[in-house]
Structures are given as structure tokens and as C-alpha cells.
PDB file of N, CA and C in Angstrom:
ATOM      1  N   MET A   1    -144.524  -2.157  75.163  1.00  0.00           N
ATOM      2  CA  MET A   1    -144.104  -0.559  75.072  1.00  0.00           C
ATOM      3  C   MET A   1    -144.880   0.397  75.417  1.00  0.00           C
ATOM      4  N   GLY A   2    -144.724   1.175  76.755  1.00  0.00           N
ATOM      5  CA  GLY A   2    -145.262   2.389  76.636  1.00  0.00           C
ATOM      6  C   GLY A   2    -145.032   3.499  76.188  1.00  0.00           C
ATOM      7  N   THR A   3    -145.640   4.519  76.077  1.00  0.00           N
ATOM      8  CA  THR A   3    -145.223   5.915  76.036  1.00  0.00           C
ATOM      9  C   THR A   3    -144.206   6.544  76.953  1.00  0.00           C
ATOM     10  N   GLU A   4    -143.649   5.975  78.046  1.00  0.00           N
ATOM     11  CA  GLU A   4    -143.020   6.627  78.837  1.00  0.00           C
ATOM     12  C   GLU A   4    -141.475   6.863  78.539  1.00  0.00           C
ATOM     13  N   ARG A   5    -141.303   8.159  78.513  1.00  0.00           N
ATOM     14  CA  ARG A   5    -139.509   8.233  78.353  1.00  0.00           C
ATOM     15  C   ARG A   5    -138.812   7.676  79.231  1.00  0.00           C
ATOM     16  N   LYS A   6    -137.614   7.023  78.696  1.00  0.00           N
ATOM     17  CA  LYS A   6    -136.778   6.290  79.591  1.00  0.00           C
ATOM     18  C   LYS A   6    -135.649   7.665  79.706  1.00  0.00           C
ATOM     19  N   VAL A   7    -135.507   7.619  81.190  1.00  0.00           N
ATOM     20  CA  VAL A   7    -134.533   8.746  81.633  1.00  0.00           C
ATOM     21  C   VAL A   7    -133.259   8.019  82.479  1.00  0.00           C
ATOM     22  N   ASN A   8    -132.592   8.734  82.401  1.00  0.00           N
ATOM     23  CA  ASN A   8    -131.024   7.815  83.025  1.00  0.00           C
ATOM     24  C   ASN A   8    -130.587   8.889  83.894  1.00  0.00           C
ATOM     25  N   PHE A   9    -131.066   9.258  85.118  1.00  0.00           N
ATOM     26  CA  PHE A   9    -130.383  10.381  85.672  1.00  0.00           C
ATOM     27  C   PHE A   9    -129.546   9.498  86.597  1.00  0.00           C
ATOM     28  N   MET A  10    -128.073  10.168  86.636  1.00  0.00           N
ATOM     29  CA  MET A  10    -127.129   9.203  87.204  1.00  0.00           C
ATOM     30  C   MET A  10    -126.740  10.143  88.811  1.00  0.00           C
ATOM     31  N   LYS A  11    -127.208  11.611  88.881  1.00  0.00           N
ATOM     32  CA  LYS A  11    -126.918  11.906  90.130  1.00  0.00           C
ATOM     33  C   LYS A  11    -128.099  12.940  90.610  1.00  0.00           C
ATOM     34  N   ILE A  12    -128.719  12.633  91.997  1.00  0.00           N
ATOM     35  CA  ILE A  12    -129.301  13.231  92.593  1.00  0.00           C
ATOM     36  C   ILE A  12    -128.906  14.097  94.036  1.00  0.00           C
ATOM     37  N   VAL A  13    -129.394  14.742  94.138  1.00  0.00           N
ATOM     38  CA  VAL A  13    -128.830  15.554  95.326  1.00  0.00           C
ATOM     39  C   VAL A  13    -130.151  15.986  95.852  1.00  0.00           C
ATOM     40  N   ALA A  14    -130.270  15.965  97.438  1.00  0.00           N
ATOM     41  CA  ALA A  14    -131.652  16.681  97.619  1.00  0.00           C
ATOM     42  C   ALA A  14    -131.274  17.421  99.573  1.00  0.00           C
ATOM     43  N   ILE A  15    -132.166  18.388  99.524  1.00  0.00           N
ATOM     44  CA  ILE A  15    -132.095  18.713 100.959  1.00  0.00           C
ATOM     45  C   ILE A  15    -133.479  18.371 101.401  1.00  0.00           C
ATOM     46  N   THR A  16    -133.188  17.982 102.855  1.00  0.00           N
ATOM     47  CA  THR A  16    -134.726  17.639 103.623  1.00  0.00           C
ATOM     48  C   THR A  16    -134.512  18.735 104.977  1.00  0.00           C
ATOM     49  N   SER A  17    -135.638  19.069 105.014  1.00  0.00           N
ATOM     50  CA  SER A  17    -136.115  19.833 106.441  1.00  0.00           C
ATOM     51  C   SER A  17    -137.392  19.730 106.650  1.00  0.00           C
ATOM     52  N   CYS A  18    -137.948  19.950 108.250  1.00  0.00           N
ATOM     53  CA  CYS A  18    -139.119  19.409 108.622  1.00  0.00           C
ATOM     54  C   CYS A  18    -139.265  20.684 109.656  1.00  0.00           C
ATOM     55  N   ALA A  19    -140.493  21.203 110.035  1.00  0.00           N
ATOM     56  CA  ALA A  19    -140.853  22.364 111.106  1.00  0.00           C
ATOM     57  C   ALA A  19    -140.148  21.981 112.369  1.00  0.00           C
ATOM     58  N   THR A  20    -140.067  20.723 112.923  1.00  0.00           N
ATOM     59  CA  THR A  20    -138.964  20.306 114.111  1.00  0.00           C
ATOM     60  C   THR A  20    -137.811  20.217 113.847  1.00  0.00           C
ATOM     61  N   GLY A  21    -137.295  19.831 112.650  1.00  0.00           N
ATOM     62  CA  GLY A  21    -136.192  19.457 112.611  1.00  0.00           C
ATOM     63  C   GLY A  21    -135.216  18.328 112.692  1.00  0.00           C
ATOM     64  N   ILE A  22    -136.294  17.259 113.362  1.00  0.00           N
ATOM     65  CA  ILE A  22    -136.225  16.397 113.813  1.00  0.00           C
ATOM     66  C   ILE A  22    -136.217  14.689 113.129  1.00  0.00           C
ATOM     67  N   ALA A  23    -137.537  14.098 113.357  1.00  0.00           N
ATOM     68  CA  ALA A  23    -137.585  13.072 112.544  1.00  0.00           C
ATOM     69  C   ALA A  23    -137.938  13.116 111.187  1.00  0.00           C
ATOM     70  N   HIS A  24    -139.061  13.864 110.701  1.00  0.00           N
ATOM     71  CA  HIS A  24    -139.191  13.996 109.419  1.00  0.00           C
ATOM     72  C   HIS A  24    -138.175  14.532 108.517  1.00  0.00           C
ATOM     73  N   THR A  25    -136.816  15.420 109.041  1.00  0.00           N
ATOM     74  CA  THR A  25    -136.070  15.783 108.228  1.00  0.00           C
ATOM     75  C   THR A  25    -135.236  14.383 107.738  1.00  0.00           C
ATOM     76  N   TYR A  26    -134.759  13.364 108.712  1.00  0.00           N
ATOM     77  CA  TYR A  26    -134.259  12.483 108.765  1.00  0.00           C
ATOM     78  C   TYR A  26    -134.532  11.456 107.928  1.00  0.00           C
ATOM     79  N   MET A  27    -136.275  11.017 108.210  1.00  0.00           N
ATOM     80  CA  MET A  27    -136.883   9.720 107.630  1.00  0.00           C
ATOM     81  C   MET A  27    -136.987  10.415 106.094  1.00  0.00           C
ATOM     82  N   ALA A  28    -136.956  11.207 106.006  1.00  0.00           N
ATOM     83  CA  ALA A  28    -137.275  11.572 104.195  1.00  0.00           C
ATOM     84  C   ALA A  28    -135.776  11.433 103.687  1.00  0.00           C
ATOM     85  N   ALA A  29    -134.931  11.951 104.328  1.00  0.00           N
ATOM     86  CA  ALA A  29    -133.425  11.944 103.824  1.00  0.00           C
ATOM     87  C   ALA A  29    -133.165  10.380 103.228  1.00  0.00           C
ATOM     88  N   GLU A  30    -133.308   9.296 104.417  1.00  0.00           N
ATOM     89  CA  GLU A  30    -133.309   7.963 104.268  1.00  0.00           C
ATOM     90  C   GLU A  30    -134.091   7.355 103.130  1.00  0.00           C
ATOM     91  N   ALA A  31    -135.484   8.011 103.201  1.00  0.00           N
ATOM     92  CA  ALA A  31    -136.349   7.476 102.204  1.00  0.00           C
ATOM     93  C   ALA A  31    -135.981   7.636 100.606  1.00  0.00           C
ATOM     94  N   ILE A  32    -135.361   9.016 100.538  1.00  0.00           N
ATOM     95  CA  ILE A  32    -135.099   9.361  99.116  1.00  0.00           C
ATOM     96  C   ILE A  32    -133.510   8.557  98.893  1.00  0.00           C
ATOM     97  N   LYS A  33    -132.510   8.551 100.085  1.00  0.00           N
ATOM     98  CA  LYS A  33    -131.268   7.568  99.737  1.00  0.00           C
ATOM     99  C   LYS A  33    -131.340   6.157  98.932  1.00  0.00           C
ATOM    100  N   LYS A  34    -132.872   5.306 100.158  1.00  0.00           N
ATOM    101  CA  LYS A  34    -132.927   4.241  99.544  1.00  0.00           C
ATOM    102  C   LYS A  34    -133.831   4.075  98.075  1.00  0.00           C
ATOM    103  N   GLU A  35    -134.622   4.947  97.595  1.00  0.00           N
ATOM    104  CA  GLU A  35    -135.197   5.164  96.637  1.00  0.00           C
ATOM    105  C   GLU A  35    -134.089   5.215  95.178  1.00  0.00           C
ATOM    106  N   CYS A  36    -133.080   5.804  95.599  1.00  0.00           N
ATOM    107  CA  CYS A  36    -132.047   6.033  94.384  1.00  0.00           C
ATOM    108  C   CYS A  36    -131.228   4.968  94.439  1.00  0.00           C
ATOM    109  N   LYS A  37    -130.946   4.279  95.426  1.00  0.00           N
ATOM    110  CA  LYS A  37    -129.871   2.964  95.663  1.00  0.00           C
ATOM    111  C   LYS A  37    -131.099   2.085  94.673  1.00  0.00           C
ATOM    112  N   LYS A  38    -132.086   1.896  94.997  1.00  0.00           N
ATOM    113  CA  LYS A  38    -133.232   1.030  94.311  1.00  0.00           C
ATOM    114  C   LYS A  38    -132.905   1.126  92.791  1.00  0.00           C
ATOM    115  N   LYS A  39    -132.836   2.464  92.245  1.00  0.00           N
ATOM    116  CA  LYS A  39    -132.855   2.769  90.823  1.00  0.00           C
ATOM    117  C   LYS A  39    -131.441   2.559  90.534  1.00  0.00           C
ATOM    118  N   GLY A  40    -130.407   2.726  91.086  1.00  0.00           N
ATOM    119  CA  GLY A  40    -129.176   2.573  90.585  1.00  0.00           C
ATOM    120  C   GLY A  40    -128.524   4.296  90.435  1.00  0.00           C
ATOM    121  N   TYR A  41    -128.940   5.223  91.026  1.00  0.00           N
ATOM    122  CA  TYR A  41    -128.511   6.368  91.055  1.00  0.00           C
ATOM    123  C   TYR A  41    -127.547   6.757  92.246  1.00  0.00           C
ATOM    124  N   ALA A  42    -126.758   7.778  91.815  1.00  0.00           N
ATOM    125  CA  ALA A  42    -125.958   8.300  92.882  1.00  0.00           C
ATOM    126  C   ALA A  42    -126.952   9.308  93.719  1.00  0.00           C
ATOM    127  N   CYS A  43    -126.462   9.450  94.724  1.00  0.00           N
ATOM    128  CA  CYS A  43    -127.163  10.553  95.855  1.00  0.00           C
ATOM    129  C   CYS A  43    -126.699  11.097  96.687  1.00  0.00           C
ATOM    130  N   LYS A  44    -126.900  12.198  96.878  1.00  0.00           N
ATOM    131  CA  LYS A  44    -126.493  13.111  98.260  1.00  0.00           C
ATOM    132  C   LYS A  44    -127.502  13.770  98.636  1.00  0.00           C
ATOM    133  N   VAL A  45    -127.727  13.958 100.488  1.00  0.00           N
ATOM    134  CA  VAL A  45    -128.878  14.168 100.791  1.00  0.00           C
ATOM    135  C   VAL A  45    -128.091  15.479 101.898  1.00  0.00           C
ATOM    136  N   GLU A  46    -128.464  16.318 101.694  1.00  0.00           N
ATOM    137  CA  GLU A  46    -128.121  17.496 103.054  1.00  0.00           C
ATOM    138  C   GLU A  46    -129.441  17.441 103.751  1.00  0.00           C
ATOM    139  N   MET A  47    -129.352  17.296 105.273  1.00  0.00           N
ATOM    140  CA  MET A  47    -130.157  17.405 106.273  1.00  0.00           C
ATOM    141  C   MET A  47    -130.151  18.754 107.081  1.00  0.00           C
ATOM    142  N   GLN A  48    -131.351  19.408 106.825  1.00  0.00           N
ATOM    143  CA  GLN A  48    -131.307  20.877 107.894  1.00  0.00           C
ATOM    144  C   GLN A  48    -131.868  20.438 109.046  1.00  0.00           C
ATOM    145  N   GLY A  49    -131.690  20.332 109.838  1.00  0.00           N
ATOM    146  CA  GLY A  49    -132.729  19.823 110.806  1.00  0.00           C
ATOM    147  C   GLY A  49    -132.126  20.379 112.388  1.00  0.00           C
ATOM    148  N   ALA A  50    -132.578  20.001 113.835  1.00  0.00           N
ATOM    149  CA  ALA A  50    -132.242  20.523 114.645  1.00  0.00           C
ATOM    150  C   ALA A  50    -130.817  20.695 115.171  1.00  0.00           C
ATOM    151  N   LEU A  51    -129.860  20.288 114.269  1.00  0.00           N
ATOM    152  CA  LEU A  51    -128.489  19.896 114.591  1.00  0.00           C
ATOM    153  C   LEU A  51    -127.615  21.149 113.584  1.00  0.00           C
ATOM    154  N   GLY A  52    -128.654  21.662 112.746  1.00  0.00           N
ATOM    155  CA  GLY A  52    -127.881  22.367 111.676  1.00  0.00           C
ATOM    156  C   GLY A  52    -128.016  21.930 110.424  1.00  0.00           C
ATOM    157  N   ILE A  53    -126.768  22.451 109.556  1.00  0.00           N
ATOM    158  CA  ILE A  53    -126.863  21.572 107.978  1.00  0.00           C
ATOM    159  C   ILE A  53    -125.777  20.639 108.276  1.00  0.00           C
ATOM    160  N   GLU A  54    -126.085  19.425 107.981  1.00  0.00           N
ATOM    161  CA  GLU A  54    -125.463  18.210 108.092  1.00  0.00           C
ATOM    162  C   GLU A  54    -125.539  17.639 106.741  1.00  0.00           C
ATOM    163  N   ASN A  55    -124.403  17.217 106.141  1.00  0.00           N
ATOM    164  CA  ASN A  55    -123.981  16.699 104.700  1.00  0.00           C
ATOM    165  C   ASN A  55    -124.078  17.633 103.911  1.00  0.00           C
ATOM    166  N   LYS A  56    -123.512  18.931 104.361  1.00  0.00           N
ATOM    167  CA  LYS A  56    -123.778  20.271 103.079  1.00  0.00           C
ATOM    168  C   LYS A  56    -123.357  19.757 102.084  1.00  0.00           C
ATOM    169  N   LEU A  57    -124.272  19.927 101.103  1.00  0.00           N
ATOM    170  CA  LEU A  57    -123.829  20.072  99.555  1.00  0.00           C
ATOM    171  C   LEU A  57    -123.012  21.078  98.910  1.00  0.00           C
ATOM    172  N   SER A  58    -121.474  20.499  98.424  1.00  0.00           N
ATOM    173  CA  SER A  58    -120.940  21.800  97.674  1.00  0.00           C
ATOM    174  C   SER A  58    -121.656  22.352  96.750  1.00  0.00           C
ATOM    175  N   GLU A  59    -121.088  23.456  96.080  1.00  0.00           N
ATOM    176  CA  GLU A  59    -121.469  23.843  94.907  1.00  0.00           C
ATOM    177  C   GLU A  59    -121.053  22.926  93.493  1.00  0.00           C
ATOM    178  N   LYS A  60    -119.925  22.127  93.566  1.00  0.00           N
ATOM    179  CA  LYS A  60    -119.981  21.010  92.281  1.00  0.00           C
ATOM    180  C   LYS A  60    -121.108  20.197  92.747  1.00  0.00           C
ATOM    181  N   ASP A  61    -121.613  19.726  93.646  1.00  0.00           N
ATOM    182  CA  ASP A  61    -122.636  18.876  94.192  1.00  0.00           C
ATOM    183  C   ASP A  61    -124.007  19.104  93.184  1.00  0.00           C
ATOM    184  N   ILE A  62    -124.141  20.580  93.264  1.00  0.00           N
ATOM    185  CA  ILE A  62    -125.402  21.303  93.177  1.00  0.00           C
ATOM    186  C   ILE A  62    -124.797  21.572  91.345  1.00  0.00           C
ATOM    187  N   LYS A  63    -124.060  21.807  91.086  1.00  0.00           N
ATOM    188  CA  LYS A  63    -123.954  22.075  89.315  1.00  0.00           C
ATOM    189  C   LYS A  63    -124.022  20.632  88.971  1.00  0.00           C
ATOM    190  N   THR A  64    -123.279  19.893  89.233  1.00  0.00           N
ATOM    191  CA  THR A  64    -123.714  18.796  88.694  1.00  0.00           C
ATOM    192  C   THR A  64    -124.525  17.255  88.656  1.00  0.00           C
ATOM    193  N   ALA A  65    -125.562  17.982  89.687  1.00  0.00           N
ATOM    194  CA  ALA A  65    -126.854  16.902  89.771  1.00  0.00           C
ATOM    195  C   ALA A  65    -127.681  17.002  88.489  1.00  0.00           C
ATOM    196  N   ASP A  66    -128.063  15.814  88.317  1.00  0.00           N
ATOM    197  CA  ASP A  66    -129.090  15.931  87.346  1.00  0.00           C
ATOM    198  C   ASP A  66    -130.658  16.100  88.096  1.00  0.00           C
ATOM    199  N   LEU A  67    -130.817  16.006  89.284  1.00  0.00           N
ATOM    200  CA  LEU A  67    -132.216  16.263  89.657  1.00  0.00           C
ATOM    201  C   LEU A  67    -131.885  16.871  90.964  1.00  0.00           C
ATOM    202  N   ILE A  68    -132.653  18.140  91.464  1.00  0.00           N
ATOM    203  CA  ILE A  68    -132.331  18.291  92.806  1.00  0.00           C
ATOM    204  C   ILE A  68    -133.614  18.401  93.433  1.00  0.00           C
ATOM    205  N   VAL A  69    -133.757  17.898  94.400  1.00  0.00           N
ATOM    206  CA  VAL A  69    -135.099  17.411  95.409  1.00  0.00           C
ATOM    207  C   VAL A  69    -134.771  18.355  97.060  1.00  0.00           C
ATOM    208  N   PHE A  70    -136.090  19.216  96.935  1.00  0.00           N
ATOM    209  CA  PHE A  70    -136.501  19.787  97.906  1.00  0.00           C
ATOM    210  C   PHE A  70    -137.327  18.965  98.531  1.00  0.00           C
ATOM    211  N   ALA A  71    -137.313  18.461  99.656  1.00  0.00           N
ATOM    212  CA  ALA A  71    -138.200  17.768 100.598  1.00  0.00           C
ATOM    213  C   ALA A  71    -138.251  18.767 101.823  1.00  0.00           C
ATOM    214  N   ASN A  72    -139.050  19.458 101.874  1.00  0.00           N
ATOM    215  CA  ASN A  72    -139.168  20.585 102.915  1.00  0.00           C
ATOM    216  C   ASN A  72    -140.762  21.217 103.061  1.00  0.00           C
ATOM    217  N   ASP A  73    -140.660  21.318 104.613  1.00  0.00           N
ATOM    218  CA  ASP A  73    -141.989  22.224 104.931  1.00  0.00           C
ATOM    219  C   ASP A  73    -141.939  23.446 105.442  1.00  0.00           C
ATOM    220  N   VAL A  74    -140.482  23.630 105.757  1.00  0.00           N
ATOM    221  CA  VAL A  74    -140.133  25.404 106.158  1.00  0.00           C
ATOM    222  C   VAL A  74    -138.864  25.475 105.167  1.00  0.00           C
ATOM    223  N   GLY A  75    -138.365  26.918 105.234  1.00  0.00           N
ATOM    224  CA  GLY A  75    -137.455  27.465 104.571  1.00  0.00           C
ATOM    225  C   GLY A  75    -136.041  26.399 104.877  1.00  0.00           C
ATOM    226  N   ILE A  76    -135.519  26.439 103.216  1.00  0.00           N
ATOM    227  CA  ILE A  76    -133.959  26.227 103.228  1.00  0.00           C
ATOM    228  C   ILE A  76    -133.199  27.220 103.597  1.00  0.00           C
ATOM    229  N   SER A  77    -132.065  26.569 104.172  1.00  0.00           N
ATOM    230  CA  SER A  77    -131.355  27.862 104.497  1.00  0.00           C
ATOM    231  C   SER A  77    -130.421  27.693 103.460  1.00  0.00           C
ATOM    232  N   LYS A  78    -129.783  29.003 103.038  1.00  0.00           N
ATOM    233  CA  LYS A  78    -128.896  29.371 101.892  1.00  0.00           C
ATOM    234  C   LYS A  78    -129.053  28.523 100.645  1.00  0.00           C
ATOM    235  N   ALA A  79    -130.756  29.117 100.521  1.00  0.00           N
ATOM    236  CA  ALA A  79    -131.456  28.592  99.275  1.00  0.00           C
ATOM    237  C   ALA A  79    -130.840  29.478  97.876  1.00  0.00           C
ATOM    238  N   GLU A  80    -130.160  30.474  97.987  1.00  0.00           N
ATOM    239  CA  GLU A  80    -129.442  31.062  97.067  1.00  0.00           C
ATOM    240  C   GLU A  80    -128.797  30.678  96.174  1.00  0.00           C
ATOM    241  N   ARG A  81    -127.833  29.314  96.974  1.00  0.00           N
ATOM    242  CA  ARG A  81    -127.090  28.196  96.120  1.00  0.00           C
ATOM    243  C   ARG A  81    -127.673  27.561  94.997  1.00  0.00           C
ATOM    244  N   PHE A  82    -129.251  27.700  94.929  1.00  0.00           N
ATOM    245  CA  PHE A  82    -129.967  26.826  94.233  1.00  0.00           C
ATOM    246  C   PHE A  82    -130.366  27.519  92.955  1.00  0.00           C
ATOM    247  N   ASP A  83    -130.119  28.881  93.051  1.00  0.00           N
ATOM    248  CA  ASP A  83    -131.149  30.047  91.843  1.00  0.00           C
ATOM    249  C   ASP A  83    -130.873  29.590  90.842  1.00  0.00           C
ATOM    250  N   ALA A  84    -129.654  29.279  90.382  1.00  0.00           N
ATOM    251  CA  ALA A  84    -129.407  29.030  88.979  1.00  0.00           C
ATOM    252  C   ALA A  84    -129.560  27.648  88.238  1.00  0.00           C
ATOM    253  N   TYR A  85    -130.136  26.660  89.304  1.00  0.00           N
ATOM    254  CA  TYR A  85    -130.769  25.850  88.759  1.00  0.00           C
ATOM    255  C   TYR A  85    -131.950  25.198  88.950  1.00  0.00           C
ATOM    256  N   LYS A  86    -132.761  26.028  88.641  1.00  0.00           N
ATOM    257  CA  LYS A  86    -134.204  25.929  89.261  1.00  0.00           C
ATOM    258  C   LYS A  86    -135.137  25.340  88.140  1.00  0.00           C
ATOM    259  N   ASP A  87    -134.234  25.135  87.185  1.00  0.00           N
ATOM    260  CA  ASP A  87    -134.891  24.112  86.139  1.00  0.00           C
ATOM    261  C   ASP A  87    -135.087  22.600  86.525  1.00  0.00           C
ATOM    262  N   LYS A  88    -134.057  22.727  87.895  1.00  0.00           N
ATOM    263  CA  LYS A  88    -133.571  21.002  87.853  1.00  0.00           C
ATOM    264  C   LYS A  88    -134.262  20.504  89.471  1.00  0.00           C
ATOM    265  N   ILE A  89    -134.998  21.655  89.845  1.00  0.00           N
ATOM    266  CA  ILE A  89    -135.971  21.058  91.084  1.00  0.00           C
ATOM    267  C   ILE A  89    -137.001  20.362  91.157  1.00  0.00           C
ATOM    268  N   VAL A  90    -137.352  19.534  92.064  1.00  0.00           N
ATOM    269  CA  VAL A  90    -138.777  19.398  92.313  1.00  0.00           C
ATOM    270  C   VAL A  90    -139.115  19.574  93.495  1.00  0.00           C
ATOM    271  N   ARG A  91    -140.165  19.777  94.119  1.00  0.00           N
ATOM    272  CA  ARG A  91    -140.370  20.166  95.084  1.00  0.00           C
ATOM    273  C   ARG A  91    -141.643  19.405  95.802  1.00  0.00           C
ATOM    274  N   HIS A  92    -141.214  18.793  97.270  1.00  0.00           N
ATOM    275  CA  HIS A  92    -142.018  18.031  97.928  1.00  0.00           C
ATOM    276  C   HIS A  92    -142.227  18.228  99.744  1.00  0.00           C
ATOM    277  N   THR A  93    -143.013  17.816 100.011  1.00  0.00           N
ATOM    278  CA  THR A  93    -142.981  17.728 101.580  1.00  0.00           C
ATOM    279  C   THR A  93    -142.320  16.511 102.293  1.00  0.00           C
ATOM    280  N   PRO A  94    -141.486  16.804 103.256  1.00  0.00           N
ATOM    281  CA  PRO A  94    -141.117  15.507 103.867  1.00  0.00           C
ATOM    282  C   PRO A  94    -141.749  13.983 103.966  1.00  0.00           C
ATOM    283  N   HIS A  95    -143.153  14.651 104.202  1.00  0.00           N
ATOM    284  CA  HIS A  95    -144.010  13.567 104.492  1.00  0.00           C
ATOM    285  C   HIS A  95    -144.530  12.758 103.511  1.00  0.00           C
ATOM    286  N   GLN A  96    -144.602  13.758 102.241  1.00  0.00           N
ATOM    287  CA  GLN A  96    -144.786  13.000 100.865  1.00  0.00           C
ATOM    288  C   GLN A  96    -143.727  12.064 100.612  1.00  0.00           C
ATOM    289  N   VAL A  97    -142.508  12.386 100.387  1.00  0.00           N
ATOM    290  CA  VAL A  97    -141.599  11.489 100.295  1.00  0.00           C
ATOM    291  C   VAL A  97    -141.172  10.518 101.217  1.00  0.00           C
ATOM    292  N   ILE A  98    -141.786  10.655 102.354  1.00  0.00           N
ATOM    293  CA  ILE A  98    -141.517   9.621 103.345  1.00  0.00           C
ATOM    294  C   ILE A  98    -142.896   8.273 102.704  1.00  0.00           C
ATOM    295  N   GLN A  99    -144.043   9.065 102.653  1.00  0.00           N
ATOM    296  CA  GLN A  99    -145.017   7.786 102.193  1.00  0.00           C
ATOM    297  C   GLN A  99    -145.013   7.415 100.825  1.00  0.00           C
ATOM    298  N   LYS A 100    -144.452   8.059  99.698  1.00  0.00           N
ATOM    299  CA  LYS A 100    -144.273   7.557  98.527  1.00  0.00           C
ATOM    300  C   LYS A 100    -142.996   7.983  97.612  1.00  0.00           C
ATOM    301  N   PRO A 101    -141.698   7.353  98.159  1.00  0.00           N
ATOM    302  CA  PRO A 101    -140.301   7.933  97.562  1.00  0.00           C
ATOM    303  C   PRO A 101    -140.318   8.451  96.454  1.00  0.00           C
ATOM    304  N   ASP A 102    -141.180   7.527  95.393  1.00  0.00           N
ATOM    305  CA  ASP A 102    -140.749   7.531  94.125  1.00  0.00           C
ATOM    306  C   ASP A 102    -141.570   8.654  93.395  1.00  0.00           C
ATOM    307  N   ILE A 103    -142.231   9.732  94.184  1.00  0.00           N
ATOM    308  CA  ILE A 103    -142.845  10.920  94.002  1.00  0.00           C
ATOM    309  C   ILE A 103    -141.974  11.730  93.292  1.00  0.00           C
ATOM    310  N   ILE A 104    -140.502  11.428  93.622  1.00  0.00           N
ATOM    311  CA  ILE A 104    -139.390  12.304  93.141  1.00  0.00           C
ATOM    312  C   ILE A 104    -139.375  12.192  91.832  1.00  0.00           C
ATOM    313  N   PHE A 105    -139.826  11.079  90.972  1.00  0.00           N
ATOM    314  CA  PHE A 105    -139.348  10.794  90.031  1.00  0.00           C
ATOM    315  C   PHE A 105    -140.287  11.006  88.866  1.00  0.00           C
ATOM    316  N   GLU A 106    -141.446  11.248  89.452  1.00  0.00           N
ATOM    317  CA  GLU A 106    -143.121  11.309  88.618  1.00  0.00           C
ATOM    318  C   GLU A 106    -142.605  12.396  87.925  1.00  0.00           C
ATOM    319  N   THR A 107    -142.262  13.465  87.736  1.00  0.00           N
ATOM    320  CA  THR A 107    -142.387  14.608  86.717  1.00  0.00           C
ATOM    321  C   THR A 107    -141.377  14.324  85.570  1.00  0.00           C
ATOM    322  N   LEU A 108    -140.653  13.184  85.810  1.00  0.00           N
ATOM    323  CA  LEU A 108    -139.691  12.689  84.754  1.00  0.00           C
ATOM    324  C   LEU A 108    -140.136  11.273  83.738  1.00  0.00           C
ATOM    325  N   LYS A 109    -141.564  11.310  83.993  1.00  0.00           N
ATOM    326  CA  LYS A 109    -142.112  10.100  83.346  1.00  0.00           C
ATOM    327  C   LYS A 109    -142.988  10.599  81.852  1.00  0.00           C
TER     328      LYS A 109
END
């Protein structure tokens, strides 16, 4: 047995956003959803792209999340929604999440 602590997060929420608001926004969202599904975690991803805010996270989604993932390389719209939950936030670029989706869980080990 290793010294790694076992973490049982049940609910992950994420926001993805890239400079052009097209490809990487959606690719990062899919990578996060796929990784969460693989681990058996509930997941909801808000995408802030060329079409505006899609799949908007509710206050309840944010409040009840065990982990909040920001996969962005541009500012997040309505970021103040997360001010009270800064201790739950991990930050990465969309490219990092696409290349290595399990990076979002590295701080939990």
C-alpha cells in the first residue's frame, strides 16, 4: 500500500473557456466529463465559448461540489459566483486538461 490518501469526491463541476471559444472549450469539457465518468464521479461542465454560457452551473451545483475545475486561458464570466468556494478550485488551461485529464485530480493525492 502506498502513502496516497484515498479521496472519494462525488461531485465535480467545471468551467471551460479558451481564447477563441471554439475547439478547446469543448474538447476540455469532454475530457473532464470522460475522466470523471472513468472515476465514477458525478460531473457537470459549464462551457463559456463562442455561443456564450452553455450548461450554466447553478448556485446549488457550485455549493454542493466537492471540487471545482477551472480549465480556462481567458477570464471566466460571472467568476464572482465562485468567491466563497476558492478552497475547492483547481486551475488548469484547456490544453493541459485535454492532454492529461487526470491532472485535475493531482492536488488530491
